[in-house]
Amino acid sequence: QAQLVESGGGLVQPGGSLRLSCAASPSIFNIQTMGWYRQAPGKQRELVARITSGGNTNYLDSVKGRFTISRDNAKNTMYLQMNSLKPEDTAVYYCNVNWDRRHESWGQGIQVTVSS
């Protein structure tokens, strides 16, 4: 079963850091693009960061310089290092993967709360 498992979320104070991980099950193969999305209460889901199989990245303007996306192809895992977190970064973060040219999978979502 194609599965994505996110970890690393939680509660952090403004200015703090968190590192999210997204591990893809072995049934997910030939991964092309991997990305992190987020959805805050009452808002639409938005793309936070994306990384291609070649390592090209793009970011939401509001997280540029604070967040870094990376991937370990050998481990089928993607990461999101989030620094200088702000209350407006509070959301449920979702992992998204495009694989085998025609499949797309989503993680179950993980809560990130930035609050003092």
Protein backbone atom coordinates (compact mmCIF):
# COMPACT_ATOMS: atom_id res chain seq x y z
CA GLN A 1 0.00 0.00 0.00
CA ALA A 2 1.37 3.38 -0.99
CA GLN A 3 1.87 5.28 2.22
CA LEU A 4 3.52 8.46 3.42
CA VAL A 5 4.26 8.93 7.10
CA GLU A 6 5.02 12.38 8.50
CA SER A 7 6.79 13.08 11.76
CA GLY A 8 8.45 15.91 13.63
CA GLY A 9 5.59 18.30 14.22
CA GLY A 10 4.57 19.80 17.53
CA LEU A 11 4.44 22.97 19.58
CA VAL A 12 7.27 25.48 19.40
CA GLN A 13 7.77 29.05 20.52
CA PRO A 14 8.13 31.88 18.00
CA GLY A 15 11.67 31.96 16.70
CA GLY A 16 12.13 28.26 17.29
CA SER A 17 12.83 25.41 14.88
CA LEU A 18 11.28 22.13 13.86
CA ARG A 19 12.26 19.49 11.35
CA LEU A 20 9.52 17.59 9.55
CA SER A 21 10.15 14.22 7.93
CA CYS A 22 8.11 12.34 5.36
CA ALA A 23 8.93 8.69 4.80
CA ALA A 24 7.51 6.91 1.76
CA SER A 25 6.71 3.21 1.90
CA PRO A 26 8.66 0.85 -0.37
CA SER A 27 5.58 0.53 -2.59
CA ILE A 28 6.17 4.13 -3.69
CA PHE A 29 8.87 4.11 -6.33
CA ASN A 30 10.30 6.20 -9.13
CA ILE A 31 9.58 9.35 -7.15
CA GLN A 32 9.59 12.56 -9.15
CA THR A 33 8.52 15.66 -7.25
CA MET A 34 8.13 15.79 -3.47
CA GLY A 35 6.52 18.67 -1.65
CA TRP A 36 5.18 20.06 1.58
CA TYR A 37 1.80 21.77 1.75
CA ARG A 38 0.06 23.35 4.70
CA GLN A 39 -3.46 24.29 5.65
CA ALA A 40 -4.36 26.69 8.42
CA PRO A 41 -7.88 26.83 9.89
CA GLY A 42 -10.25 28.60 7.53
CA LYS A 43 -7.66 28.86 4.78
CA GLN A 44 -6.92 26.97 1.59
CA ARG A 45 -4.12 24.46 1.39
CA GLU A 46 -0.97 26.06 0.01
CA LEU A 47 2.33 24.80 -1.33
CA VAL A 48 5.15 25.53 1.09
CA ALA A 49 8.11 23.96 -0.69
CA ARG A 50 8.80 21.52 -3.49
CA ILE A 51 11.85 19.57 -4.61
CA THR A 52 12.33 17.73 -7.88
CA SER A 53 14.20 14.49 -8.45
CA GLY A 54 17.10 16.60 -9.69
CA GLY A 55 17.19 18.64 -6.51
CA ASN A 56 15.62 21.83 -7.83
CA THR A 57 13.58 23.62 -5.19
CA ASN A 58 10.98 26.32 -4.93
CA TYR A 59 9.40 27.94 -1.89
CA LEU A 60 6.43 29.96 -0.80
CA ASP A 61 7.61 33.57 -0.59
CA SER A 62 6.80 33.87 3.10
CA VAL A 63 9.11 30.98 4.06
CA LYS A 64 12.07 31.78 1.84
CA GLY A 65 15.25 32.05 3.87
CA ARG A 66 13.66 30.29 6.85
CA PHE A 67 12.65 26.87 5.53
CA THR A 68 14.79 24.34 3.70
CA ILE A 69 13.47 21.31 1.85
CA SER A 70 15.67 18.30 1.17
CA ARG A 71 15.36 14.66 0.25
CA ASP A 72 17.27 11.43 0.71
CA ASN A 73 16.46 9.29 -2.31
CA ALA A 74 18.12 6.22 -0.85
CA LYS A 75 15.76 6.36 2.12
CA ASN A 76 12.68 7.54 0.19
CA THR A 77 12.46 10.37 2.70
CA MET A 78 11.92 14.10 2.49
CA TYR A 79 12.62 16.73 5.11
CA LEU A 80 11.55 20.27 5.88
CA GLN A 81 13.83 22.22 8.19
CA MET A 82 11.85 25.13 9.58
CA ASN A 83 13.74 27.90 11.37
CA SER A 84 12.66 31.27 12.77
CA LEU A 85 9.12 30.00 13.04
CA LYS A 86 6.29 32.50 13.29
CA PRO A 87 2.75 32.16 14.62
CA GLU A 88 1.50 32.44 11.04
CA ASP A 89 3.32 29.20 10.23
CA THR A 90 0.82 27.38 12.41
CA ALA A 91 -1.00 24.83 10.26
CA VAL A 92 -1.38 21.18 9.44
CA TYR A 93 1.50 20.24 7.17
CA TYR A 94 1.03 17.61 4.48
CA CYS A 95 3.57 15.62 2.54
CA ASN A 96 2.89 15.14 -1.18
CA VAL A 97 4.67 12.87 -3.64
CA ASN A 98 4.35 12.37 -7.38
CA TRP A 99 5.66 8.98 -8.42
CA ASP A 100 5.85 6.53 -11.28
CA ARG A 101 4.80 9.35 -13.62
CA ARG A 102 1.07 8.97 -12.95
CA HIS A 103 0.56 8.53 -9.20
CA GLU A 104 0.14 11.07 -6.44
CA SER A 105 0.08 10.34 -2.73
CA TRP A 106 -0.60 12.44 0.34
CA GLY A 107 0.39 12.01 3.95
CA GLN A 108 -2.12 12.16 6.75
CA GLY A 109 -0.95 15.58 7.91
CA ILE A 110 0.93 16.71 10.99
CA GLN A 111 0.21 19.66 13.26
CA VAL A 112 2.71 22.47 13.66
CA THR A 113 1.81 25.09 16.26
CA VAL A 114 3.91 28.19 16.84
CA SER A 115 2.86 29.92 20.02
CA SER A 116 4.28 31.41 23.20
